[in-house]
C-alpha atoms as a PDB file:
ATOM      1  CA  MET A   1      -0.178   0.154  -0.032  1.00  0.00           C
ATOM      2  CA  LEU A   2       3.050   2.460   0.276  1.00  0.00           C
ATOM      3  CA  MET A   3       4.023   2.084  -2.960  1.00  0.00           C
ATOM      4  CA  VAL A   4       0.658   2.787  -4.491  1.00  0.00           C
ATOM      5  CA  ILE A   5       0.597   5.934  -2.124  1.00  0.00           C
ATOM      6  CA  ALA A   6       4.324   6.552  -3.421  1.00  0.00           C
ATOM      7  CA  ARG A   7       3.357   5.986  -6.957  1.00  0.00           C
ATOM      8  CA  ARG A   8       0.269   8.267  -6.582  1.00  0.00           C
ATOM      9  CA  LEU A   9       2.119  11.444  -5.135  1.00  0.00           C
ATOM     10  CA  MET A  10       4.884  11.263  -8.106  1.00  0.00           C
ATOM     11  CA  GLN A  11       2.007  11.200 -10.669  1.00  0.00           C
ATOM     12  CA  ALA A  12       0.095  14.019  -8.682  1.00  0.00           C
ATOM     13  CA  LEU A  13       3.448  15.851  -8.539  1.00  0.00           C
ATOM     14  CA  LEU A  14       3.972  15.614 -12.518  1.00  0.00           C
ATOM     15  CA  THR A  15       0.123  16.436 -12.859  1.00  0.00           C
ATOM     16  CA  VAL A  16       0.435  19.737 -10.832  1.00  0.00           C
ATOM     17  CA  ALA A  17       3.706  20.661 -12.632  1.00  0.00           C
ATOM     18  CA  VAL A  18       1.817  20.148 -15.965  1.00  0.00           C
ATOM     19  CA  VAL A  19      -1.500  21.782 -14.922  1.00  0.00           C
ATOM     20  CA  VAL A  20       0.389  24.788 -13.104  1.00  0.00           C
ATOM     21  CA  THR A  21       2.551  25.413 -16.586  1.00  0.00           C
ATOM     22  CA  LEU A  22      -0.545  25.490 -18.986  1.00  0.00           C
ATOM     23  CA  VAL A  23      -2.423  27.696 -16.632  1.00  0.00           C
ATOM     24  CA  PHE A  24       0.217  30.092 -16.386  1.00  0.00           C
ATOM     25  CA  LEU A  25       1.062  29.901 -20.249  1.00  0.00           C
ATOM     26  CA  LEU A  26      -2.488  30.439 -20.912  1.00  0.00           C
ATOM     27  CA  PHE A  27      -3.156  33.923 -19.225  1.00  0.00           C
ATOM     28  CA  SER A  28       0.370  34.945 -20.361  1.00  0.00           C
ATOM     29  CA  VAL A  29      -0.594  34.432 -24.418  1.00  0.00           C
ATOM     30  CA  ILE A  30      -4.659  35.732 -24.010  1.00  0.00           C
ATOM     31  CA  PRO A  31      -5.034  39.080 -24.983  1.00  0.00           C
ATOM     32  CA  GLY A  32      -5.857  41.884 -21.883  1.00  0.00           C
ATOM     33  CA  SER A  33      -4.119  42.014 -18.390  1.00  0.00           C
ATOM     34  CA  PHE A  34      -5.493  42.896 -14.821  1.00  0.00           C
ATOM     35  CA  VAL A  35      -5.022  46.804 -15.760  1.00  0.00           C
ATOM     36  CA  THR A  36      -7.485  46.456 -18.854  1.00  0.00           C
ATOM     37  CA  SER A  37      -9.749  44.849 -16.631  1.00  0.00           C
ATOM     38  CA  LEU A  38      -9.540  47.456 -14.280  1.00  0.00           C
ATOM     39  CA  VAL A  39      -9.743  50.096 -17.241  1.00  0.00           C
ATOM     40  CA  GLY A  40     -13.079  48.480 -19.019  1.00  0.00           C
ATOM     41  CA  GLU A  41     -14.755  51.136 -20.923  1.00  0.00           C
ATOM     42  CA  LYS A  42     -13.239  54.266 -19.704  1.00  0.00           C
ATOM     43  CA  ARG A  43     -10.928  55.942 -22.212  1.00  0.00           C
ATOM     44  CA  ASP A  44      -9.522  58.657 -19.658  1.00  0.00           C
ATOM     45  CA  ILE A  45      -7.173  56.744 -17.603  1.00  0.00           C
ATOM     46  CA  ASP A  46      -3.838  58.267 -17.574  1.00  0.00           C
ATOM     47  CA  PRO A  47      -1.431  55.912 -19.525  1.00  0.00           C
ATOM     48  CA  LYS A  48       1.242  56.669 -17.049  1.00  0.00           C
ATOM     49  CA  VAL A  49      -0.793  55.365 -14.303  1.00  0.00           C
ATOM     50  CA  MET A  50      -1.392  52.437 -16.170  1.00  0.00           C
ATOM     51  CA  ALA A  51       2.432  51.676 -17.035  1.00  0.00           C
ATOM     52  CA  ARG A  52       3.161  52.226 -13.187  1.00  0.00           C
ATOM     53  CA  ILE A  53       0.427  49.542 -12.442  1.00  0.00           C
ATOM     54  CA  GLU A  54       1.819  47.299 -14.601  1.00  0.00           C
ATOM     55  CA  GLU A  55       5.522  47.824 -13.683  1.00  0.00           C
ATOM     56  CA  GLN A  56       4.439  47.499  -9.950  1.00  0.00           C
ATOM     57  CA  LEU A  57       2.348  44.347 -10.770  1.00  0.00           C
ATOM     58  CA  HIS A  58       5.564  42.781 -12.916  1.00  0.00           C
ATOM     59  CA  LEU A  59       3.600  42.489 -15.860  1.00  0.00           C
ATOM     60  CA  ASN A  60       6.136  43.588 -18.228  1.00  0.00           C
ATOM     61  CA  ASP A  61       8.645  41.440 -16.964  1.00  0.00           C
ATOM     62  CA  PRO A  62       9.920  38.780 -19.604  1.00  0.00           C
ATOM     63  CA  LEU A  63       7.745  35.335 -19.669  1.00  0.00           C
ATOM     64  CA  PRO A  64      10.621  33.031 -18.351  1.00  0.00           C
ATOM     65  CA  GLU A  65      11.426  35.473 -15.491  1.00  0.00           C
ATOM     66  CA  ARG A  66       7.801  35.402 -14.358  1.00  0.00           C
ATOM     67  CA  PHE A  67       7.355  32.054 -14.754  1.00  0.00           C
ATOM     68  CA  GLY A  68      10.415  31.190 -12.663  1.00  0.00           C
ATOM     69  CA  ARG A  69       9.551  33.449  -9.943  1.00  0.00           C
ATOM     70  CA  TYR A  70       6.007  32.003 -10.019  1.00  0.00           C
ATOM     71  CA  VAL A  71       7.821  28.387  -9.713  1.00  0.00           C
ATOM     72  CA  ALA A  72       9.976  29.334  -6.687  1.00  0.00           C
ATOM     73  CA  ASP A  73       7.270  30.637  -4.752  1.00  0.00           C
ATOM     74  CA  LEU A  74       5.218  28.065  -5.417  1.00  0.00           C
ATOM     75  CA  ALA A  75       8.054  25.642  -3.960  1.00  0.00           C
ATOM     76  CA  ARG A  76       8.089  27.570  -0.740  1.00  0.00           C
ATOM     77  CA  GLY A  77       4.331  27.457  -0.340  1.00  0.00           C
ATOM     78  CA  ASP A  78       3.707  30.727  -1.258  1.00  0.00           C
ATOM     79  CA  LEU A  79       0.673  31.047  -4.111  1.00  0.00           C
ATOM     80  CA  GLY A  80       1.497  34.860  -4.803  1.00  0.00           C
ATOM     81  CA  THR A  81      -0.500  37.780  -4.002  1.00  0.00           C
ATOM     82  CA  SER A  82      -3.778  39.010  -5.258  1.00  0.00           C
ATOM     83  CA  PHE A  83      -3.583  41.567  -7.746  1.00  0.00           C
ATOM     84  CA  SER A  84      -7.337  43.132  -7.229  1.00  0.00           C
ATOM     85  CA  THR A  85      -7.133  42.783  -3.157  1.00  0.00           C
ATOM     86  CA  ARG A  86      -3.334  42.787  -2.369  1.00  0.00           C
ATOM     87  CA  ARG A  87      -3.511  39.923   0.138  1.00  0.00           C
ATOM     88  CA  PRO A  88      -2.169  36.661  -0.083  1.00  0.00           C
ATOM     89  CA  VAL A  89      -3.763  34.351  -2.045  1.00  0.00           C
ATOM     90  CA  ILE A  90      -3.220  31.346   0.460  1.00  0.00           C
ATOM     91  CA  ASP A  91      -5.120  33.510   3.204  1.00  0.00           C
ATOM     92  CA  MET A  92      -7.977  34.239   0.387  1.00  0.00           C
ATOM     93  CA  LEU A  93      -8.488  30.536   0.185  1.00  0.00           C
ATOM     94  CA  GLU A  94      -8.630  29.206   3.686  1.00  0.00           C
ATOM     95  CA  SER A  95     -12.264  30.521   4.355  1.00  0.00           C
ATOM     96  CA  ARG A  96     -13.431  29.406   1.122  1.00  0.00           C
ATOM     97  CA  ILE A  97     -11.839  26.110   0.981  1.00  0.00           C
ATOM     98  CA  VAL A  98     -13.940  25.355   3.803  1.00  0.00           C
ATOM     99  CA  ALA A  99     -17.061  26.584   2.474  1.00  0.00           C
ATOM    100  CA  SER A 100     -16.487  24.847  -0.699  1.00  0.00           C
ATOM    101  CA  PHE A 101     -15.942  21.374   0.862  1.00  0.00           C
ATOM    102  CA  ARG A 102     -18.834  21.650   3.093  1.00  0.00           C
ATOM    103  CA  LEU A 103     -20.950  22.264   0.260  1.00  0.00           C
ATOM    104  CA  ALA A 104     -18.933  19.200  -1.784  1.00  0.00           C
ATOM    105  CA  SER A 105     -19.595  17.127   1.393  1.00  0.00           C
ATOM    106  CA  ALA A 106     -23.293  17.800   2.014  1.00  0.00           C
ATOM    107  CA  ALA A 107     -23.879  17.153  -1.937  1.00  0.00           C
ATOM    108  CA  ILE A 108     -22.084  13.757  -2.171  1.00  0.00           C
ATOM    109  CA  LEU A 109     -23.755  12.650   1.113  1.00  0.00           C
ATOM    110  CA  PHE A 110     -27.279  13.510  -0.078  1.00  0.00           C
ATOM    111  CA  ALA A 111     -25.894  11.835  -3.309  1.00  0.00           C
ATOM    112  CA  VAL A 112     -24.999   8.806  -1.638  1.00  0.00           C
ATOM    113  CA  ALA A 113     -27.830   8.445   0.803  1.00  0.00           C
ATOM    114  CA  VAL A 114     -30.446   8.596  -2.016  1.00  0.00           C
ATOM    115  CA  GLY A 115     -28.955   7.491  -5.098  1.00  0.00           C
ATOM    116  CA  LEU A 116     -27.477   4.153  -3.356  1.00  0.00           C
ATOM    117  CA  PRO A 117     -31.005   2.819  -1.728  1.00  0.00           C
ATOM    118  CA  LEU A 118     -32.628   4.052  -5.047  1.00  0.00           C
ATOM    119  CA  GLY A 119     -30.285   2.092  -7.376  1.00  0.00           C
ATOM    120  CA  PHE A 120     -30.493  -0.887  -5.213  1.00  0.00           C
ATOM    121  CA  ILE A 121     -34.390  -1.074  -4.801  1.00  0.00           C
ATOM    122  CA  ALA A 122     -34.602  -0.736  -8.903  1.00  0.00           C
ATOM    123  CA  ALA A 123     -32.200  -3.749  -9.489  1.00  0.00           C
ATOM    124  CA  SER A 124     -34.178  -5.781  -7.117  1.00  0.00           C
ATOM    125  CA  ARG A 125     -37.084  -5.567  -8.875  1.00  0.00           C
ATOM    126  CA  PRO A 126     -35.909  -5.365 -13.004  1.00  0.00           C
ATOM    127  CA  GLY A 127     -38.731  -4.393 -15.234  1.00  0.00           C
ATOM    128  CA  SER A 128     -41.171  -3.631 -12.469  1.00  0.00           C
ATOM    129  CA  TRP A 129     -42.911  -0.379 -12.015  1.00  0.00           C
ATOM    130  CA  ILE A 130     -40.417   0.872  -9.137  1.00  0.00           C
ATOM    131  CA  ASP A 131     -37.624   0.087 -11.497  1.00  0.00           C
ATOM    132  CA  MET A 132     -39.276   2.411 -14.121  1.00  0.00           C
ATOM    133  CA  ALA A 133     -40.053   5.408 -11.768  1.00  0.00           C
ATOM    134  CA  ALA A 134     -36.504   5.284 -10.045  1.00  0.00           C
ATOM    135  CA  MET A 135     -34.668   5.317 -13.606  1.00  0.00           C
ATOM    136  CA  MET A 136     -37.129   8.023 -14.662  1.00  0.00           C
ATOM    137  CA  GLY A 137     -36.377  10.033 -11.835  1.00  0.00           C
ATOM    138  CA  ALA A 138     -32.315   9.272 -12.363  1.00  0.00           C
ATOM    139  CA  VAL A 139     -32.691  10.528 -16.070  1.00  0.00           C
ATOM    140  CA  SER A 140     -34.731  13.630 -15.351  1.00  0.00           C
ATOM    141  CA  GLY A 141     -31.869  14.290 -12.591  1.00  0.00           C
ATOM    142  CA  LEU A 142     -29.246  13.904 -15.189  1.00  0.00           C
ATOM    143  CA  SER A 143     -31.248  15.837 -17.707  1.00  0.00           C
ATOM    144  CA  VAL A 144     -31.998  18.768 -15.704  1.00  0.00           C
ATOM    145  CA  PRO A 145     -29.693  21.877 -15.658  1.00  0.00           C
ATOM    146  CA  GLY A 146     -28.051  22.424 -12.179  1.00  0.00           C
ATOM    147  CA  PHE A 147     -28.813  26.508 -12.497  1.00  0.00           C
ATOM    148  CA  TRP A 148     -32.279  25.696 -13.268  1.00  0.00           C
ATOM    149  CA  PHE A 149     -33.150  23.245 -10.690  1.00  0.00           C
ATOM    150  CA  GLY A 150     -31.458  25.829  -8.428  1.00  0.00           C
ATOM    151  CA  LEU A 151     -33.836  28.636  -9.340  1.00  0.00           C
ATOM    152  CA  LEU A 152     -36.612  26.300  -9.135  1.00  0.00           C
ATOM    153  CA  ALA A 153     -35.665  25.620  -5.685  1.00  0.00           C
ATOM    154  CA  MET A 154     -35.006  28.857  -4.435  1.00  0.00           C
ATOM    155  CA  TYR A 155     -38.486  29.731  -5.986  1.00  0.00           C
ATOM    156  CA  PHE A 156     -40.173  26.828  -4.197  1.00  0.00           C
ATOM    157  CA  PHE A 157     -38.609  26.529  -0.730  1.00  0.00           C
ATOM    158  CA  SER A 158     -37.709  30.321  -0.285  1.00  0.00           C
ATOM    159  CA  LEU A 159     -39.791  32.626  -2.014  1.00  0.00           C
ATOM    160  CA  GLN A 160     -43.272  30.498  -1.900  1.00  0.00           C
ATOM    161  CA  LEU A 161     -42.824  28.455   1.430  1.00  0.00           C
ATOM    162  CA  GLY A 162     -40.199  30.561   3.258  1.00  0.00           C
ATOM    163  CA  TRP A 163     -38.497  27.710   4.495  1.00  0.00           C
ATOM    164  CA  LEU A 164     -34.704  28.205   3.735  1.00  0.00           C
ATOM    165  CA  PRO A 165     -32.790  31.256   2.733  1.00  0.00           C
ATOM    166  CA  THR A 166     -32.896  32.089  -0.818  1.00  0.00           C
ATOM    167  CA  PHE A 167     -28.770  32.442  -0.831  1.00  0.00           C
ATOM    168  CA  GLY A 168     -25.988  33.433   0.949  1.00  0.00           C
ATOM    169  CA  TYR A 169     -23.653  31.263   3.665  1.00  0.00           C
ATOM    170  CA  GLY A 170     -25.450  33.386   6.833  1.00  0.00           C
ATOM    171  CA  GLN A 171     -23.268  32.040   9.622  1.00  0.00           C
ATOM    172  CA  GLY A 172     -22.485  28.691   8.307  1.00  0.00           C
ATOM    173  CA  GLY A 173     -25.546  27.181   9.575  1.00  0.00           C
ATOM    174  CA  LEU A 174     -27.503  24.151   8.142  1.00  0.00           C
ATOM    175  CA  ARG A 175     -30.338  26.158   6.445  1.00  0.00           C
ATOM    176  CA  HIS A 176     -28.208  27.978   4.150  1.00  0.00           C
ATOM    177  CA  LEU A 177     -26.455  24.733   3.024  1.00  0.00           C
ATOM    178  CA  VAL A 178     -29.758  22.798   2.055  1.00  0.00           C
ATOM    179  CA  LEU A 179     -30.658  24.245  -1.163  1.00  0.00           C
ATOM    180  CA  PRO A 180     -27.027  24.556  -2.600  1.00  0.00           C
ATOM    181  CA  ALA A 181     -26.422  20.954  -1.253  1.00  0.00           C
ATOM    182  CA  LEU A 182     -29.160  19.705  -2.936  1.00  0.00           C
ATOM    183  CA  THR A 183     -28.779  21.671  -6.266  1.00  0.00           C
ATOM    184  CA  LEU A 184     -25.459  20.528  -6.770  1.00  0.00           C
ATOM    185  CA  GLY A 185     -26.183  16.787  -5.328  1.00  0.00           C
ATOM    186  CA  ILE A 186     -29.323  16.260  -7.611  1.00  0.00           C
ATOM    187  CA  GLY A 187     -26.954  14.961 -10.755  1.00  0.00           C
ATOM    188  CA  PRO A 188     -24.492  12.821  -8.955  1.00  0.00           C
ATOM    189  CA  MET A 189     -27.488  11.366  -7.249  1.00  0.00           C
ATOM    190  CA  ALA A 190     -29.413  10.441 -10.611  1.00  0.00           C
ATOM    191  CA  LEU A 191     -25.683   8.952 -11.733  1.00  0.00           C
ATOM    192  CA  LEU A 192     -25.141   7.153  -8.631  1.00  0.00           C
ATOM    193  CA  ALA A 193     -28.549   5.511  -9.133  1.00  0.00           C
ATOM    194  CA  ARG A 194     -28.123   4.197 -12.427  1.00  0.00           C
ATOM    195  CA  THR A 195     -24.604   2.828 -11.753  1.00  0.00           C
ATOM    196  CA  THR A 196     -25.827   1.011  -8.700  1.00  0.00           C
ATOM    197  CA  ARG A 197     -28.735  -0.419 -10.138  1.00  0.00           C
ATOM    198  CA  ALA A 198     -26.252  -1.475 -13.309  1.00  0.00           C
ATOM    199  CA  ALA A 199     -23.430  -2.582 -11.121  1.00  0.00           C
ATOM    200  CA  VAL A 200     -26.214  -4.825  -8.867  1.00  0.00           C
ATOM    201  CA  LEU A 201     -27.690  -6.135 -11.732  1.00  0.00           C
ATOM    202  CA  GLU A 202     -24.112  -7.438 -13.017  1.00  0.00           C
ATOM    203  CA  VAL A 203     -23.094  -9.176  -9.767  1.00  0.00           C
ATOM    204  CA  ARG A 204     -26.443 -10.566  -9.235  1.00  0.00           C
ATOM    205  CA  GLY A 205     -25.905 -12.898 -12.395  1.00  0.00           C
ATOM    206  CA  ALA A 206     -22.408 -13.847 -11.373  1.00  0.00           C
ATOM    207  CA  ASP A 207     -21.488 -17.658 -10.587  1.00  0.00           C
ATOM    208  CA  PHE A 208     -20.730 -17.050  -7.252  1.00  0.00           C
ATOM    209  CA  ILE A 209     -23.985 -15.723  -6.353  1.00  0.00           C
ATOM    210  CA  ARG A 210     -25.863 -18.714  -7.912  1.00  0.00           C
ATOM    211  CA  THR A 211     -23.396 -20.606  -6.152  1.00  0.00           C
ATOM    212  CA  ALA A 212     -24.206 -19.187  -2.654  1.00  0.00           C
ATOM    213  CA  ARG A 213     -27.724 -19.592  -3.239  1.00  0.00           C
ATOM    214  CA  SER A 214     -27.284 -23.195  -4.266  1.00  0.00           C
ATOM    215  CA  LYS A 215     -25.772 -23.891  -0.851  1.00  0.00           C
ATOM    216  CA  GLY A 216     -28.612 -22.567   0.894  1.00  0.00           C
ATOM    217  CA  MET A 217     -27.264 -19.212   1.970  1.00  0.00           C
ATOM    218  CA  SER A 218     -29.908 -16.594   3.393  1.00  0.00           C
ATOM    219  CA  GLU A 219     -30.826 -13.796   0.773  1.00  0.00           C
ATOM    220  CA  PRO A 220     -29.754 -10.997   3.395  1.00  0.00           C
ATOM    221  CA  ARG A 221     -26.508 -12.836   3.691  1.00  0.00           C
ATOM    222  CA  ILE A 222     -26.070 -13.135   0.446  1.00  0.00           C
ATOM    223  CA  VAL A 223     -26.401  -9.440  -0.314  1.00  0.00           C
ATOM    224  CA  THR A 224     -24.299  -8.053   2.505  1.00  0.00           C
ATOM    225  CA  ARG A 225     -21.434 -10.530   2.233  1.00  0.00           C
ATOM    226  CA  HIS A 226     -21.365 -10.767  -1.512  1.00  0.00           C
ATOM    227  CA  LEU A 227     -23.499  -8.913  -3.650  1.00  0.00           C
ATOM    228  CA  ALA A 228     -23.151  -5.202  -1.947  1.00  0.00           C
ATOM    229  CA  ARG A 229     -19.433  -5.900  -1.610  1.00  0.00           C
ATOM    230  CA  ASN A 230     -18.526  -6.625  -4.858  1.00  0.00           C
ATOM    231  CA  ALA A 231     -21.259  -4.169  -6.378  1.00  0.00           C
ATOM    232  CA  PHE A 232     -19.828  -1.246  -4.230  1.00  0.00           C
ATOM    233  CA  VAL A 233     -16.473  -1.631  -5.899  1.00  0.00           C
ATOM    234  CA  LEU A 234     -17.943  -0.680  -9.291  1.00  0.00           C
ATOM    235  CA  VAL A 235     -20.041   2.137  -7.192  1.00  0.00           C
ATOM    236  CA  LEU A 236     -17.244   3.664  -5.783  1.00  0.00           C
ATOM    237  CA  THR A 237     -15.354   4.791  -8.854  1.00  0.00           C
ATOM    238  CA  THR A 238     -18.357   7.023  -9.432  1.00  0.00           C
ATOM    239  CA  ILE A 239     -18.581   8.263  -6.107  1.00  0.00           C
ATOM    240  CA  GLY A 240     -15.102   9.186  -6.231  1.00  0.00           C
ATOM    241  CA  LEU A 241     -15.097  10.921  -9.394  1.00  0.00           C
ATOM    242  CA  GLN A 242     -18.137  12.790  -8.523  1.00  0.00           C
ATOM    243  CA  PHE A 243     -16.928  14.137  -5.212  1.00  0.00           C
ATOM    244  CA  GLY A 244     -13.553  14.888  -6.692  1.00  0.00           C
ATOM    245  CA  SER A 245     -15.058  16.901  -9.300  1.00  0.00           C
ATOM    246  CA  MET A 246     -17.695  18.782  -7.089  1.00  0.00           C
ATOM    247  CA  LEU A 247     -14.943  21.607  -6.013  1.00  0.00           C
ATOM    248  CA  GLY A 248     -14.669  22.822  -9.405  1.00  0.00           C
ATOM    249  CA  GLY A 249     -17.822  21.784 -10.814  1.00  0.00           C
ATOM    250  CA  SER A 250     -19.564  24.006  -8.307  1.00  0.00           C
ATOM    251  CA  VAL A 251     -18.730  26.967 -10.226  1.00  0.00           C
ATOM    252  CA  VAL A 252     -22.236  27.918 -11.243  1.00  0.00           C
ATOM    253  CA  ILE A 253     -24.271  26.506  -8.082  1.00  0.00           C
ATOM    254  CA  GLU A 254     -21.920  28.872  -5.833  1.00  0.00           C
ATOM    255  CA  SER A 255     -22.486  31.900  -8.147  1.00  0.00           C
ATOM    256  CA  LEU A 256     -26.187  31.144  -7.908  1.00  0.00           C
ATOM    257  CA  PHE A 257     -26.662  30.834  -4.198  1.00  0.00           C
ATOM    258  CA  ALA A 258     -23.728  33.719  -3.508  1.00  0.00           C
ATOM    259  CA  TRP A 259     -21.950  30.773  -1.861  1.00  0.00           C
ATOM    260  CA  PRO A 260     -18.251  32.306  -1.077  1.00  0.00           C
ATOM    261  CA  GLY A 261     -16.369  29.048  -2.035  1.00  0.00           C
ATOM    262  CA  VAL A 262     -13.349  28.522  -4.476  1.00  0.00           C
ATOM    263  CA  GLY A 263     -15.708  28.404  -7.338  1.00  0.00           C
ATOM    264  CA  SER A 264     -17.131  32.045  -6.950  1.00  0.00           C
ATOM    265  CA  LEU A 265     -13.432  33.205  -6.506  1.00  0.00           C
ATOM    266  CA  LEU A 266     -12.381  31.534  -9.277  1.00  0.00           C
ATOM    267  CA  ILE A 267     -15.020  33.448 -11.433  1.00  0.00           C
ATOM    268  CA  GLN A 268     -14.422  36.691 -10.196  1.00  0.00           C
ATOM    269  CA  SER A 269     -10.568  36.331 -10.553  1.00  0.00           C
ATOM    270  CA  VAL A 270     -11.166  35.331 -14.195  1.00  0.00           C
ATOM    271  CA  SER A 271     -13.363  38.324 -14.902  1.00  0.00           C
ATOM    272  CA  LEU A 272     -10.779  40.605 -13.334  1.00  0.00           C
ATOM    273  CA  ARG A 273      -8.019  38.632 -14.962  1.00  0.00           C
ATOM    274  CA  ASP A 274      -6.451  38.348 -11.343  1.00  0.00           C
ATOM    275  CA  ILE A 275      -4.015  35.403 -12.223  1.00  0.00           C
ATOM    276  CA  PRO A 276      -2.322  35.022  -9.051  1.00  0.00           C
ATOM    277  CA  ALA A 277      -6.137  34.251  -7.727  1.00  0.00           C
ATOM    278  CA  VAL A 278      -6.965  32.064 -10.435  1.00  0.00           C
ATOM    279  CA  GLN A 279      -3.889  29.930 -10.425  1.00  0.00           C
ATOM    280  CA  GLY A 280      -4.498  29.448  -6.682  1.00  0.00           C
ATOM    281  CA  CYS A 281      -7.921  28.516  -7.210  1.00  0.00           C
ATOM    282  CA  ILE A 282      -6.835  25.944  -9.958  1.00  0.00           C
ATOM    283  CA  LEU A 283      -4.164  24.464  -7.992  1.00  0.00           C
ATOM    284  CA  VAL A 284      -6.357  23.946  -5.222  1.00  0.00           C
ATOM    285  CA  ILE A 285      -9.391  22.239  -7.195  1.00  0.00           C
ATOM    286  CA  VAL A 286      -6.599  20.023  -8.762  1.00  0.00           C
ATOM    287  CA  LEU A 287      -5.030  18.672  -5.747  1.00  0.00           C
ATOM    288  CA  PHE A 288      -8.584  17.971  -4.201  1.00  0.00           C
ATOM    289  CA  PHE A 289      -9.246  15.830  -7.321  1.00  0.00           C
ATOM    290  CA  LEU A 290      -6.148  13.786  -6.686  1.00  0.00           C
ATOM    291  CA  LEU A 291      -6.329  13.804  -3.054  1.00  0.00           C
ATOM    292  CA  ILE A 292      -9.745  11.788  -3.802  1.00  0.00           C
ATOM    293  CA  ASN A 293      -8.695   9.598  -6.167  1.00  0.00           C
ATOM    294  CA  THR A 294      -5.826   8.536  -4.042  1.00  0.00           C
ATOM    295  CA  LEU A 295      -7.941   7.592  -1.392  1.00  0.00           C
ATOM    296  CA  VAL A 296     -10.402   5.629  -3.810  1.00  0.00           C
ATOM    297  CA  ASP A 297      -7.487   3.777  -4.720  1.00  0.00           C
ATOM    298  CA  ILE A 298      -6.861   2.936  -1.272  1.00  0.00           C
ATOM    299  CA  ALA A 299     -10.307   2.098  -0.693  1.00  0.00           C
ATOM    300  CA  TYR A 300     -10.182  -0.425  -3.762  1.00  0.00           C
ATOM    301  CA  MET A 301      -7.570  -2.555  -2.304  1.00  0.00           C
ATOM    302  CA  LEU A 302      -9.160  -2.386   1.358  1.00  0.00           C
ATOM    303  CA  ILE A 303     -12.775  -3.444  -0.056  1.00  0.00           C
ATOM    304  CA  ASP A 304     -11.401  -6.041  -2.521  1.00  0.00           C
ATOM    305  CA  PRO A 305      -7.850  -7.584  -1.390  1.00  0.00           C
ATOM    306  CA  ARG A 306      -7.478  -8.960  -5.132  1.00  0.00           C
ATOM    307  CA  ILE A 307      -7.253  -5.610  -6.638  1.00  0.00           C
ATOM    308  CA  ARG A 308      -3.300  -4.759  -6.937  1.00  0.00           C
ATOM    309  CA  TYR A 309      -1.788  -1.894  -8.776  1.00  0.00           C
ATOM    310  CA  ARG A 310       1.512  -2.149 -10.317  1.00  0.00           C
END
């Protein structure tokens, strides 16, 4: 297992290096800069003021020099200073990482709590009305855009019923978390239900399940000891991928509900061409995805000892 972790860490370092390089080069070749985003449509800005700002932010330095400076700072754990707020990027990300992680965790808990039982029930009665209703609901969840579902949820639960706040983080309480988590988790829940159904149906037809029944093993024991464990190996991939992508995939949802997470900071930073903040947000998203994938690989080996990575 230690070899697997070491190998994944080496792969993660390579992935981070590639992502950091691509993001830096991308924002270096795109026309415009932080100064031009501040100017906007105004035409009466003194060119000397613009030149002074660009000089203070080192925007006119040669590309290799700026990239070398960024890599050297990154090796020391310094993500740079935001162009717009003049605060260290790592300080800006601290509270936002917590908010995004809370949102992603609540969304994946909702997806697992609803999607797993729904898929299992549908697979236990294939072709029945329960199966058809569950899969119709899953297809609907995959088809509905997240922002549209969020708008409907705000309209009914906030404006009409008054049960939950419309948007915002508040004091970090549960009431402000419910609607964004449901909106973010509806798609993964539907996908998880379909994946669970397919995995259970595949394992139910395996030879070892028929052998267990022929030996007189009770159905609950077959389900808990054989069917669920083997099907969960397939389902775990979907859970890991969905959870890992939620930090970056929640950009629209965080903006819709004014949730102060990494996604909303990324949108603001891109619009302002705040390159250090953009690079910091993308780095956090990539690291989170790599961490979840590594944990999923370790979980594979714990669930099924036959799985080995080379």
